[in-house]
């Protein structure tokens, strides 16, 4: 079955976190499931190391499986990816120059 890759931004308190992974759901089905309030399984999680190279999740933390169930309540954005990020053939990555860690959101003004 075909895998579809996504970048998903999730809210975590006052910060956001990015997940990069795949699911069997195409874009329309993914958005329908999230819109209906259903959790979505994102698998094949990868992250970008300090040198912007794609690494498997288990290389970062071997205690967890490389998948996460997304709670639609906390999904901020979903960006479809053009390809499987693990297929990268070069040593350097210019596909995405995005942070892979929590980052602070601007404080709201009263």
PDB file of N, CA and C in Angstrom:
ATOM      1  N   UNK A   1       0.839  -1.175   0.000  1.00  0.00           N
ATOM      2  CA  UNK A   1       0.000   0.000   0.000  1.00  0.00           C
ATOM      3  C   UNK A   1       0.893   1.251   0.000  1.00  0.00           C
ATOM      4  N   UNK A   2       0.503   2.243  -0.764  1.00  0.00           N
ATOM      5  CA  UNK A   2       1.293   3.457  -0.903  1.00  0.00           C
ATOM      6  C   UNK A   2       1.354   4.237   0.415  1.00  0.00           C
ATOM      7  N   UNK A   3       2.538   4.769   0.718  1.00  0.00           N
ATOM      8  CA  UNK A   3       2.745   5.597   1.907  1.00  0.00           C
ATOM      9  C   UNK A   3       2.767   7.056   1.476  1.00  0.00           C
ATOM     10  N   UNK A   4       2.122   7.901   2.250  1.00  0.00           N
ATOM     11  CA  UNK A   4       2.107   9.344   2.001  1.00  0.00           C
ATOM     12  C   UNK A   4       2.853  10.018   3.146  1.00  0.00           C
ATOM     13  N   UNK A   5       3.771  10.916   2.799  1.00  0.00           N
ATOM     14  CA  UNK A   5       4.620  11.580   3.793  1.00  0.00           C
ATOM     15  C   UNK A   5       4.093  12.974   4.117  1.00  0.00           C
ATOM     16  N   UNK A   6       4.179  13.319   5.405  1.00  0.00           N
ATOM     17  CA  UNK A   6       3.673  14.606   5.879  1.00  0.00           C
ATOM     18  C   UNK A   6       4.604  15.225   6.919  1.00  0.00           C
ATOM     19  N   UNK A   7       4.560  16.542   6.966  1.00  0.00           N
ATOM     20  CA  UNK A   7       5.154  17.327   8.048  1.00  0.00           C
ATOM     21  C   UNK A   7       3.963  17.823   8.855  1.00  0.00           C
ATOM     22  N   UNK A   8       3.909  17.474  10.143  1.00  0.00           N
ATOM     23  CA  UNK A   8       2.774  17.850  10.983  1.00  0.00           C
ATOM     24  C   UNK A   8       3.284  18.693  12.144  1.00  0.00           C
ATOM     25  N   UNK A   9       2.685  19.862  12.298  1.00  0.00           N
ATOM     26  CA  UNK A   9       3.045  20.747  13.409  1.00  0.00           C
ATOM     27  C   UNK A   9       1.992  20.587  14.495  1.00  0.00           C
ATOM     28  N   UNK A  10       2.466  20.303  15.710  1.00  0.00           N
ATOM     29  CA  UNK A  10       1.585  20.051  16.845  1.00  0.00           C
ATOM     30  C   UNK A  10       1.823  21.092  17.932  1.00  0.00           C
ATOM     31  N   UNK A  11       0.762  21.477  18.614  1.00  0.00           N
ATOM     32  CA  UNK A  11       0.847  22.400  19.733  1.00  0.00           C
ATOM     33  C   UNK A  11       1.160  21.611  20.998  1.00  0.00           C
ATOM     34  N   UNK A  12       2.113  22.129  21.782  1.00  0.00           N
ATOM     35  CA  UNK A  12       2.476  21.513  23.051  1.00  0.00           C
ATOM     36  C   UNK A  12       2.664  22.634  24.061  1.00  0.00           C
ATOM     37  N   UNK A  13       1.613  22.971  24.775  1.00  0.00           N
ATOM     38  CA  UNK A  13       1.661  24.115  25.689  1.00  0.00           C
ATOM     39  C   UNK A  13       1.765  25.401  24.896  1.00  0.00           C
ATOM     40  N   UNK A  14       2.809  26.165  25.161  1.00  0.00           N
ATOM     41  CA  UNK A  14       3.054  27.413  24.428  1.00  0.00           C
ATOM     42  C   UNK A  14       4.069  27.218  23.314  1.00  0.00           C
ATOM     43  N   UNK A  15       4.397  25.969  23.020  1.00  0.00           N
ATOM     44  CA  UNK A  15       5.401  25.658  22.014  1.00  0.00           C
ATOM     45  C   UNK A  15       4.788  24.752  20.949  1.00  0.00           C
ATOM     46  N   UNK A  16       5.517  24.589  19.859  1.00  0.00           N
ATOM     47  CA  UNK A  16       5.092  23.650  18.824  1.00  0.00           C
ATOM     48  C   UNK A  16       6.188  22.623  18.589  1.00  0.00           C
ATOM     49  N   UNK A  17       5.790  21.499  18.018  1.00  0.00           N
ATOM     50  CA  UNK A  17       6.724  20.430  17.703  1.00  0.00           C
ATOM     51  C   UNK A  17       6.391  19.919  16.312  1.00  0.00           C
ATOM     52  N   UNK A  18       7.420  19.615  15.532  1.00  0.00           N
ATOM     53  CA  UNK A  18       7.228  19.095  14.179  1.00  0.00           C
ATOM     54  C   UNK A  18       7.460  17.594  14.146  1.00  0.00           C
ATOM     55  N   UNK A  19       6.547  16.896  13.488  1.00  0.00           N
ATOM     56  CA  UNK A  19       6.716  15.474  13.212  1.00  0.00           C
ATOM     57  C   UNK A  19       6.827  15.303  11.705  1.00  0.00           C
ATOM     58  N   UNK A  20       7.723  14.414  11.291  1.00  0.00           N
ATOM     59  CA  UNK A  20       7.881  14.044   9.886  1.00  0.00           C
ATOM     60  C   UNK A  20       7.687  12.537   9.818  1.00  0.00           C
ATOM     61  N   UNK A  21       6.674  12.090   9.064  1.00  0.00           N
ATOM     62  CA  UNK A  21       6.414  10.671   8.984  1.00  0.00           C
ATOM     63  C   UNK A  21       5.415  10.349   7.887  1.00  0.00           C
ATOM     64  N   UNK A  22       5.009   9.086   7.840  1.00  0.00           N
ATOM     65  CA  UNK A  22       4.128   8.644   6.751  1.00  0.00           C
ATOM     66  C   UNK A  22       2.899   7.925   7.302  1.00  0.00           C
ATOM     67  N   UNK A  23       1.905   7.840   6.429  1.00  0.00           N
ATOM     68  CA  UNK A  23       0.675   7.115   6.714  1.00  0.00           C
ATOM     69  C   UNK A  23       0.130   6.581   5.397  1.00  0.00           C
ATOM     70  N   UNK A  24      -0.782   5.638   5.486  1.00  0.00           N
ATOM     71  CA  UNK A  24      -1.417   5.127   4.270  1.00  0.00           C
ATOM     72  C   UNK A  24      -2.526   6.059   3.797  1.00  0.00           C
ATOM     73  N   UNK A  25      -2.898   7.041   4.612  1.00  0.00           N
ATOM     74  CA  UNK A  25      -3.963   7.974   4.246  1.00  0.00           C
ATOM     75  C   UNK A  25      -3.483   9.009   3.242  1.00  0.00           C
ATOM     76  N   UNK A  26      -4.249   9.180   2.151  1.00  0.00           N
ATOM     77  CA  UNK A  26      -3.913  10.252   1.224  1.00  0.00           C
ATOM     78  C   UNK A  26      -4.330  11.575   1.864  1.00  0.00           C
ATOM     79  N   UNK A  27      -4.026  12.672   1.213  1.00  0.00           N
ATOM     80  CA  UNK A  27      -4.269  13.988   1.798  1.00  0.00           C
ATOM     81  C   UNK A  27      -5.735  14.215   2.164  1.00  0.00           C
ATOM     82  N   UNK A  28      -6.639  13.893   1.259  1.00  0.00           N
ATOM     83  CA  UNK A  28      -8.061  14.104   1.522  1.00  0.00           C
ATOM     84  C   UNK A  28      -8.547  13.247   2.692  1.00  0.00           C
ATOM     85  N   UNK A  29      -8.139  11.985   2.720  1.00  0.00           N
ATOM     86  CA  UNK A  29      -8.554  11.083   3.801  1.00  0.00           C
ATOM     87  C   UNK A  29      -7.967  11.508   5.140  1.00  0.00           C
ATOM     88  N   UNK A  30      -6.731  11.956   5.119  1.00  0.00           N
ATOM     89  CA  UNK A  30      -6.088  12.427   6.346  1.00  0.00           C
ATOM     90  C   UNK A  30      -6.837  13.626   6.920  1.00  0.00           C
ATOM     91  N   UNK A  31      -7.138  14.598   6.071  1.00  0.00           N
ATOM     92  CA  UNK A  31      -7.831  15.797   6.535  1.00  0.00           C
ATOM     93  C   UNK A  31      -9.252  15.473   6.998  1.00  0.00           C
ATOM     94  N   UNK A  32      -9.902  14.531   6.334  1.00  0.00           N
ATOM     95  CA  UNK A  32     -11.248  14.123   6.740  1.00  0.00           C
ATOM     96  C   UNK A  32     -11.219  13.487   8.124  1.00  0.00           C
ATOM     97  N   UNK A  33     -10.245  12.597   8.355  1.00  0.00           N
ATOM     98  CA  UNK A  33     -10.141  11.921   9.645  1.00  0.00           C
ATOM     99  C   UNK A  33      -9.806  12.913  10.761  1.00  0.00           C
ATOM    100  N   UNK A  34      -8.864  13.816  10.509  1.00  0.00           N
ATOM    101  CA  UNK A  34      -8.526  14.833  11.514  1.00  0.00           C
ATOM    102  C   UNK A  34      -9.721  15.746  11.771  1.00  0.00           C
ATOM    103  N   UNK A  35     -10.416  16.148  10.706  1.00  0.00           N
ATOM    104  CA  UNK A  35     -11.575  17.022  10.832  1.00  0.00           C
ATOM    105  C   UNK A  35     -12.716  16.393  11.622  1.00  0.00           C
ATOM    106  N   UNK A  36     -12.808  15.076  11.563  1.00  0.00           N
ATOM    107  CA  UNK A  36     -13.852  14.356  12.299  1.00  0.00           C
ATOM    108  C   UNK A  36     -13.438  14.082  13.742  1.00  0.00           C
ATOM    109  N   UNK A  37     -12.222  14.507  14.105  1.00  0.00           N
ATOM    110  CA  UNK A  37     -11.758  14.319  15.482  1.00  0.00           C
ATOM    111  C   UNK A  37     -11.083  12.991  15.738  1.00  0.00           C
ATOM    112  N   UNK A  38     -10.745  12.251  14.665  1.00  0.00           N
ATOM    113  CA  UNK A  38     -10.110  10.953  14.828  1.00  0.00           C
ATOM    114  C   UNK A  38      -8.597  11.043  14.938  1.00  0.00           C
ATOM    115  N   UNK A  39      -8.032  10.246  15.825  1.00  0.00           N
ATOM    116  CA  UNK A  39      -6.577  10.158  15.921  1.00  0.00           C
ATOM    117  C   UNK A  39      -6.023   9.579  14.627  1.00  0.00           C
ATOM    118  N   UNK A  40      -4.810   9.972  14.256  1.00  0.00           N
ATOM    119  CA  UNK A  40      -4.158   9.478  13.046  1.00  0.00           C
ATOM    120  C   UNK A  40      -2.806   8.900  13.433  1.00  0.00           C
ATOM    121  N   UNK A  41      -2.516   7.716  12.924  1.00  0.00           N
ATOM    122  CA  UNK A  41      -1.224   7.075  13.154  1.00  0.00           C
ATOM    123  C   UNK A  41      -0.232   7.559  12.103  1.00  0.00           C
ATOM    124  N   UNK A  42       0.855   8.200  12.564  1.00  0.00           N
ATOM    125  CA  UNK A  42       1.950   8.642  11.695  1.00  0.00           C
ATOM    126  C   UNK A  42       3.135   7.729  11.993  1.00  0.00           C
ATOM    127  N   UNK A  43       3.616   7.039  10.961  1.00  0.00           N
ATOM    128  CA  UNK A  43       4.687   6.055  11.143  1.00  0.00           C
ATOM    129  C   UNK A  43       5.958   6.494  10.424  1.00  0.00           C
ATOM    130  N   UNK A  44       6.997   5.669  10.527  1.00  0.00           N
ATOM    131  CA  UNK A  44       8.280   5.911   9.856  1.00  0.00           C
ATOM    132  C   UNK A  44       8.864   7.272  10.268  1.00  0.00           C
ATOM    133  N   UNK A  45       8.671   7.667  11.524  1.00  0.00           N
ATOM    134  CA  UNK A  45       9.127   8.982  11.968  1.00  0.00           C
ATOM    135  C   UNK A  45      10.620   9.166  11.749  1.00  0.00           C
ATOM    136  N   UNK A  46      10.963  10.340  11.273  1.00  0.00           N
ATOM    137  CA  UNK A  46      12.359  10.728  11.106  1.00  0.00           C
ATOM    138  C   UNK A  46      12.543  12.107  11.734  1.00  0.00           C
ATOM    139  N   UNK A  47      13.794  12.471  11.946  1.00  0.00           N
ATOM    140  CA  UNK A  47      14.091  13.802  12.450  1.00  0.00           C
ATOM    141  C   UNK A  47      15.317  14.325  11.732  1.00  0.00           C
ATOM    142  N   UNK A  48      15.548  15.619  11.857  1.00  0.00           N
ATOM    143  CA  UNK A  48      16.714  16.255  11.259  1.00  0.00           C
ATOM    144  C   UNK A  48      17.733  16.496  12.353  1.00  0.00           C
ATOM    145  N   UNK A  49      18.958  15.984  12.173  1.00  0.00           N
ATOM    146  CA  UNK A  49      19.979  16.180  13.192  1.00  0.00           C
ATOM    147  C   UNK A  49      20.565  17.594  13.095  1.00  0.00           C
ATOM    148  N   UNK A  50      21.565  17.880  13.907  1.00  0.00           N
ATOM    149  CA  UNK A  50      22.159  19.218  13.945  1.00  0.00           C
ATOM    150  C   UNK A  50      22.820  19.622  12.638  1.00  0.00           C
ATOM    151  N   UNK A  51      23.114  18.638  11.782  1.00  0.00           N
ATOM    152  CA  UNK A  51      23.717  18.912  10.473  1.00  0.00           C
ATOM    153  C   UNK A  51      22.685  18.844   9.354  1.00  0.00           C
ATOM    154  N   UNK A  52      21.402  18.901   9.714  1.00  0.00           N
ATOM    155  CA  UNK A  52      20.287  18.841   8.762  1.00  0.00           C
ATOM    156  C   UNK A  52      20.254  17.552   7.952  1.00  0.00           C
ATOM    157  N   UNK A  53      20.755  16.471   8.531  1.00  0.00           N
ATOM    158  CA  UNK A  53      20.659  15.159   7.896  1.00  0.00           C
ATOM    159  C   UNK A  53      19.471  14.418   8.470  1.00  0.00           C
ATOM    160  N   UNK A  54      18.807  13.648   7.636  1.00  0.00           N
ATOM    161  CA  UNK A  54      17.649  12.875   8.071  1.00  0.00           C
ATOM    162  C   UNK A  54      18.130  11.624   8.794  1.00  0.00           C
ATOM    163  N   UNK A  55      17.566  11.412   9.980  1.00  0.00           N
ATOM    164  CA  UNK A  55      17.919  10.254  10.798  1.00  0.00           C
ATOM    165  C   UNK A  55      16.641   9.537  11.208  1.00  0.00           C
ATOM    166  N   UNK A  56      16.742   8.240  11.385  1.00  0.00           N
ATOM    167  CA  UNK A  56      15.603   7.477  11.877  1.00  0.00           C
ATOM    168  C   UNK A  56      15.333   7.806  13.340  1.00  0.00           C
ATOM    169  N   UNK A  57      14.083   7.727  13.744  1.00  0.00           N
ATOM    170  CA  UNK A  57      13.700   8.072  15.109  1.00  0.00           C
ATOM    171  C   UNK A  57      14.483   7.266  16.138  1.00  0.00           C
ATOM    172  N   UNK A  58      14.689   5.972  15.887  1.00  0.00           N
ATOM    173  CA  UNK A  58      15.375   5.114  16.848  1.00  0.00           C
ATOM    174  C   UNK A  58      16.836   5.508  17.041  1.00  0.00           C
ATOM    175  N   UNK A  59      17.414   6.231  16.092  1.00  0.00           N
ATOM    176  CA  UNK A  59      18.781   6.723  16.273  1.00  0.00           C
ATOM    177  C   UNK A  59      18.809   7.852  17.293  1.00  0.00           C
ATOM    178  N   UNK A  60      17.695   8.552  17.429  1.00  0.00           N
ATOM    179  CA  UNK A  60      17.604   9.638  18.401  1.00  0.00           C
ATOM    180  C   UNK A  60      17.194   9.096  19.772  1.00  0.00           C
ATOM    181  N   UNK A  61      16.195   8.208  19.781  1.00  0.00           N
ATOM    182  CA  UNK A  61      15.711   7.634  21.031  1.00  0.00           C
ATOM    183  C   UNK A  61      15.265   6.195  20.796  1.00  0.00           C
ATOM    184  N   UNK A  62      16.130   5.228  21.129  1.00  0.00           N
ATOM    185  CA  UNK A  62      15.812   3.821  20.869  1.00  0.00           C
ATOM    186  C   UNK A  62      14.744   3.245  21.799  1.00  0.00           C
ATOM    187  N   UNK A  63      14.265   4.011  22.762  1.00  0.00           N
ATOM    188  CA  UNK A  63      13.263   3.517  23.705  1.00  0.00           C
ATOM    189  C   UNK A  63      11.843   3.553  23.151  1.00  0.00           C
ATOM    190  N   UNK A  64      11.641   4.255  22.036  1.00  0.00           N
ATOM    191  CA  UNK A  64      10.308   4.397  21.472  1.00  0.00           C
ATOM    192  C   UNK A  64      10.270   3.854  20.051  1.00  0.00           C
ATOM    193  N   UNK A  65       9.101   3.394  19.651  1.00  0.00           N
ATOM    194  CA  UNK A  65       8.901   2.982  18.271  1.00  0.00           C
ATOM    195  C   UNK A  65       8.763   4.225  17.402  1.00  0.00           C
ATOM    196  N   UNK A  66       9.045   4.092  16.123  1.00  0.00           N
ATOM    197  CA  UNK A  66       9.047   5.244  15.201  1.00  0.00           C
ATOM    198  C   UNK A  66       7.644   5.547  14.683  1.00  0.00           C
ATOM    199  N   UNK A  67       6.708   5.736  15.624  1.00  0.00           N
ATOM    200  CA  UNK A  67       5.348   6.097  15.238  1.00  0.00           C
ATOM    201  C   UNK A  67       4.705   6.894  16.368  1.00  0.00           C
ATOM    202  N   UNK A  68       3.682   7.667  15.996  1.00  0.00           N
ATOM    203  CA  UNK A  68       2.965   8.486  16.966  1.00  0.00           C
ATOM    204  C   UNK A  68       1.507   8.578  16.543  1.00  0.00           C
ATOM    205  N   UNK A  69       0.621   8.627  17.516  1.00  0.00           N
ATOM    206  CA  UNK A  69      -0.794   8.847  17.242  1.00  0.00           C
ATOM    207  C   UNK A  69      -1.066  10.332  17.433  1.00  0.00           C
ATOM    208  N   UNK A  70      -1.509  10.994  16.373  1.00  0.00           N
ATOM    209  CA  UNK A  70      -1.744  12.433  16.408  1.00  0.00           C
ATOM    210  C   UNK A  70      -3.134  12.734  16.942  1.00  0.00           C
ATOM    211  N   UNK A  71      -3.190  13.578  17.963  1.00  0.00           N
ATOM    212  CA  UNK A  71      -4.460  14.035  18.508  1.00  0.00           C
ATOM    213  C   UNK A  71      -4.896  15.241  17.688  1.00  0.00           C
ATOM    214  N   UNK A  72      -6.015  15.169  16.982  1.00  0.00           N
ATOM    215  CA  UNK A  72      -6.415  16.257  16.089  1.00  0.00           C
ATOM    216  C   UNK A  72      -6.642  17.587  16.797  1.00  0.00           C
ATOM    217  N   UNK A  73      -6.908  17.557  18.097  1.00  0.00           N
ATOM    218  CA  UNK A  73      -7.124  18.785  18.854  1.00  0.00           C
ATOM    219  C   UNK A  73      -5.886  19.672  18.835  1.00  0.00           C
ATOM    220  N   UNK A  74      -4.695  19.070  18.715  1.00  0.00           N
ATOM    221  CA  UNK A  74      -3.446  19.814  18.828  1.00  0.00           C
ATOM    222  C   UNK A  74      -2.699  19.980  17.502  1.00  0.00           C
ATOM    223  N   UNK A  75      -3.310  19.546  16.410  1.00  0.00           N
ATOM    224  CA  UNK A  75      -2.672  19.706  15.098  1.00  0.00           C
ATOM    225  C   UNK A  75      -2.848  21.153  14.643  1.00  0.00           C
ATOM    226  N   UNK A  76      -1.724  21.818  14.350  1.00  0.00           N
ATOM    227  CA  UNK A  76      -1.752  23.198  13.865  1.00  0.00           C
ATOM    228  C   UNK A  76      -1.735  23.227  12.347  1.00  0.00           C
ATOM    229  N   UNK A  77      -0.855  22.424  11.758  1.00  0.00           N
ATOM    230  CA  UNK A  77      -0.771  22.398  10.301  1.00  0.00           C
ATOM    231  C   UNK A  77      -0.293  21.037   9.820  1.00  0.00           C
ATOM    232  N   UNK A  78      -0.692  20.720   8.582  1.00  0.00           N
ATOM    233  CA  UNK A  78      -0.273  19.492   7.918  1.00  0.00           C
ATOM    234  C   UNK A  78       0.266  19.891   6.557  1.00  0.00           C
ATOM    235  N   UNK A  79       1.486  19.483   6.262  1.00  0.00           N
ATOM    236  CA  UNK A  79       2.090  19.798   4.966  1.00  0.00           C
ATOM    237  C   UNK A  79       2.458  18.490   4.267  1.00  0.00           C
ATOM    238  N   UNK A  80       1.825  18.183   3.136  1.00  0.00           N
ATOM    239  CA  UNK A  80       2.186  16.983   2.386  1.00  0.00           C
ATOM    240  C   UNK A  80       3.623  17.100   1.864  1.00  0.00           C
ATOM    241  N   UNK A  81       4.334  16.000   1.909  1.00  0.00           N
ATOM    242  CA  UNK A  81       5.711  15.950   1.422  1.00  0.00           C
ATOM    243  C   UNK A  81       5.721  15.338   0.020  1.00  0.00           C
ATOM    244  N   UNK A  82       6.694  15.726  -0.773  1.00  0.00           N
ATOM    245  CA  UNK A  82       6.775  15.253  -2.156  1.00  0.00           C
ATOM    246  C   UNK A  82       7.263  13.810  -2.258  1.00  0.00           C
ATOM    247  N   UNK A  83       8.013  13.351  -1.248  1.00  0.00           N
ATOM    248  CA  UNK A  83       8.588  12.010  -1.348  1.00  0.00           C
ATOM    249  C   UNK A  83       8.950  11.474   0.026  1.00  0.00           C
ATOM    250  N   UNK A  84       9.339  10.219   0.052  1.00  0.00           N
ATOM    251  CA  UNK A  84       9.836   9.562   1.253  1.00  0.00           C
ATOM    252  C   UNK A  84      11.154  10.227   1.630  1.00  0.00           C
ATOM    253  N   UNK A  85      11.215  10.825   2.785  1.00  0.00           N
ATOM    254  CA  UNK A  85      12.415  11.553   3.197  1.00  0.00           C
ATOM    255  C   UNK A  85      13.628  10.641   3.357  1.00  0.00           C
ATOM    256  N   UNK A  86      13.408   9.368   3.593  1.00  0.00           N
ATOM    257  CA  UNK A  86      14.522   8.435   3.780  1.00  0.00           C
ATOM    258  C   UNK A  86      15.218   8.086   2.470  1.00  0.00           C
ATOM    259  N   UNK A  87      14.643   8.460   1.325  1.00  0.00           N
ATOM    260  CA  UNK A  87      15.226   8.139   0.026  1.00  0.00           C
ATOM    261  C   UNK A  87      16.369   9.055  -0.354  1.00  0.00           C
ATOM    262  N   UNK A  88      16.684   9.981   0.505  1.00  0.00           N
ATOM    263  CA  UNK A  88      17.714  10.968   0.187  1.00  0.00           C
ATOM    264  C   UNK A  88      19.011  10.276  -0.237  1.00  0.00           C
ATOM    265  N   UNK A  89      19.523  10.679  -1.373  1.00  0.00           N
ATOM    266  CA  UNK A  89      20.708  10.010  -1.909  1.00  0.00           C
ATOM    267  C   UNK A  89      21.990  10.789  -1.665  1.00  0.00           C
ATOM    268  N   UNK A  90      21.891  12.076  -1.354  1.00  0.00           N
ATOM    269  CA  UNK A  90      23.078  12.889  -1.116  1.00  0.00           C
ATOM    270  C   UNK A  90      23.338  12.992   0.373  1.00  0.00           C
ATOM    271  N   UNK A  91      24.549  13.387   0.715  1.00  0.00           N
ATOM    272  CA  UNK A  91      24.917  13.557   2.108  1.00  0.00           C
ATOM    273  C   UNK A  91      24.360  14.817   2.728  1.00  0.00           C
ATOM    274  N   UNK A  92      24.057  15.822   1.913  1.00  0.00           N
ATOM    275  CA  UNK A  92      23.530  17.062   2.482  1.00  0.00           C
ATOM    276  C   UNK A  92      22.040  17.173   2.176  1.00  0.00           C
ATOM    277  N   UNK A  93      21.330  17.860   3.029  1.00  0.00           N
ATOM    278  CA  UNK A  93      19.888  17.972   2.858  1.00  0.00           C
ATOM    279  C   UNK A  93      19.503  19.418   2.633  1.00  0.00           C
ATOM    280  N   UNK A  94      18.931  19.698   1.483  1.00  0.00           N
ATOM    281  CA  UNK A  94      18.421  21.030   1.223  1.00  0.00           C
ATOM    282  C   UNK A  94      16.908  20.999   1.034  1.00  0.00           C
ATOM    283  N   UNK A  95      16.304  19.805   1.210  1.00  0.00           N
ATOM    284  CA  UNK A  95      14.861  19.676   1.042  1.00  0.00           C
ATOM    285  C   UNK A  95      14.114  20.528   2.058  1.00  0.00           C
ATOM    286  N   UNK A  96      14.533  20.442   3.302  1.00  0.00           N
ATOM    287  CA  UNK A  96      13.891  21.203   4.368  1.00  0.00           C
ATOM    288  C   UNK A  96      14.941  21.773   5.300  1.00  0.00           C
ATOM    289  N   UNK A  97      14.839  23.018   5.606  1.00  0.00           N
ATOM    290  CA  UNK A  97      15.710  23.639   6.586  1.00  0.00           C
ATOM    291  C   UNK A  97      14.829  24.073   7.749  1.00  0.00           C
ATOM    292  N   UNK A  98      14.267  23.098   8.454  1.00  0.00           N
ATOM    293  CA  UNK A  98      13.322  23.362   9.521  1.00  0.00           C
ATOM    294  C   UNK A  98      13.852  22.819  10.841  1.00  0.00           C
ATOM    295  N   UNK A  99      13.473  23.439  11.949  1.00  0.00           N
ATOM    296  CA  UNK A  99      13.917  22.927  13.249  1.00  0.00           C
ATOM    297  C   UNK A  99      13.265  21.599  13.560  1.00  0.00           C
ATOM    298  N   UNK A 100      13.960  20.783  14.326  1.00  0.00           N
ATOM    299  CA  UNK A 100      13.398  19.491  14.707  1.00  0.00           C
ATOM    300  C   UNK A 100      13.165  19.419  16.209  1.00  0.00           C
ATOM    301  N   UNK A 101      13.242  20.527  16.884  1.00  0.00           N
ATOM    302  CA  UNK A 101      13.038  20.554  18.320  1.00  0.00           C
ATOM    303  C   UNK A 101      11.921  21.516  18.655  1.00  0.00           C
ATOM    304  N   UNK A 102      11.527  21.496  19.911  1.00  0.00           N
ATOM    305  CA  UNK A 102      10.508  22.440  20.359  1.00  0.00           C
ATOM    306  C   UNK A 102      11.015  23.860  20.174  1.00  0.00           C
ATOM    307  N   UNK A 103      10.142  24.743  19.788  1.00  0.00           N
ATOM    308  CA  UNK A 103      10.525  26.135  19.683  1.00  0.00           C
ATOM    309  C   UNK A 103       9.445  26.975  20.336  1.00  0.00           C
ATOM    310  N   UNK A 104       9.829  28.114  20.837  1.00  0.00           N
ATOM    311  CA  UNK A 104       8.873  28.951  21.548  1.00  0.00           C
ATOM    312  C   UNK A 104       7.990  29.700  20.580  1.00  0.00           C
ATOM    313  N   UNK A 105       6.744  29.840  20.972  1.00  0.00           N
ATOM    314  CA  UNK A 105       5.794  30.630  20.211  1.00  0.00           C
ATOM    315  C   UNK A 105       5.804  32.036  20.797  1.00  0.00           C
ATOM    316  N   UNK A 106       5.561  33.052  20.005  1.00  0.00           N
ATOM    317  CA  UNK A 106       5.522  34.415  20.530  1.00  0.00           C
ATOM    318  C   UNK A 106       4.458  34.550  21.615  1.00  0.00           C
ATOM    319  N   UNK A 107       4.784  35.288  22.645  1.00  0.00           N
ATOM    320  CA  UNK A 107       3.824  35.546  23.715  1.00  0.00           C
ATOM    321  C   UNK A 107       2.679  36.396  23.201  1.00  0.00           C
ATOM    322  N   UNK A 108       1.480  36.124  23.661  1.00  0.00           N
ATOM    323  CA  UNK A 108       0.321  36.903  23.264  1.00  0.00           C
ATOM    324  C   UNK A 108       0.340  38.221  24.036  1.00  0.00           C
ATOM    325  N   UNK A 109       0.004  39.287  23.318  1.00  0.00           N
ATOM    326  CA  UNK A 109      -0.108  40.573  23.991  1.00  0.00           C
ATOM    327  C   UNK A 109      -1.494  40.704  24.569  1.00  0.00           C
ATOM    328  N   UNK A 110      -1.584  41.257  25.763  1.00  0.00           N
ATOM    329  CA  UNK A 110      -2.893  41.442  26.415  1.00  0.00           C
ATOM    330  C   UNK A 110      -3.648  42.610  25.857  1.00  0.00           C
TER     331      UNK A 110
END
